[in-house]
Amino acid sequence: MTTLTRSLLQLGAITGLFYGCGSSGGLPGVTPSVAISSPTSNSSVSLPLNKQIAINFNTNYTIKAPGTCAGAQNCGHIFVLIDSSSCNSATLAYNTLASSSPTSADFSKCTTATGQHTITLELRDDTGAAVMGVLGNPVTTQVTVTTQ
């Protein structure tokens, strides 16, 4: 066996290990992702009377209401958080739950609705468990905005 052949076999084995790692990581070869397209980070946002702003996002997951994926791979929903858990609904692990884009972030649940806030989206599987990336970290994205 040549050195090149041996190196290629080792590379294939290592690649296979990475694709097999993580729970709720999706199908082999699919790296789960989520990204906020608006608002942009470091932007100012005017709060309407209901104190909810639209959050547009992109993901390579199919986004549906919890429990409705019927076993489909790469299917789940999004937890919307403001300032970590500071602005969550009283008995829930999130501020709002997204099953489509756009969704909303509800600043009326914050002690102070105006000011600088960090909005985080967490990709969750159909059961609500965090979707893990290839390196075993939860798949998230965030932006910082100033509401007025």
Foldseek 3Di string as FASTA:
>chain_A
DDPVVVVVVVVVVVLVVLQPDFPLQFHRPDFKAKEWPPDAAAEEAEADPQLKDWTFMDIPAQFAAAPPCVPDTRYYWKAKAKQLPQQPDPPDNGNDIGRHPTDIGGLVSHPDSFAKIKIKIWTAHNNRHFHAGSVGHGHMYIHIYGYD
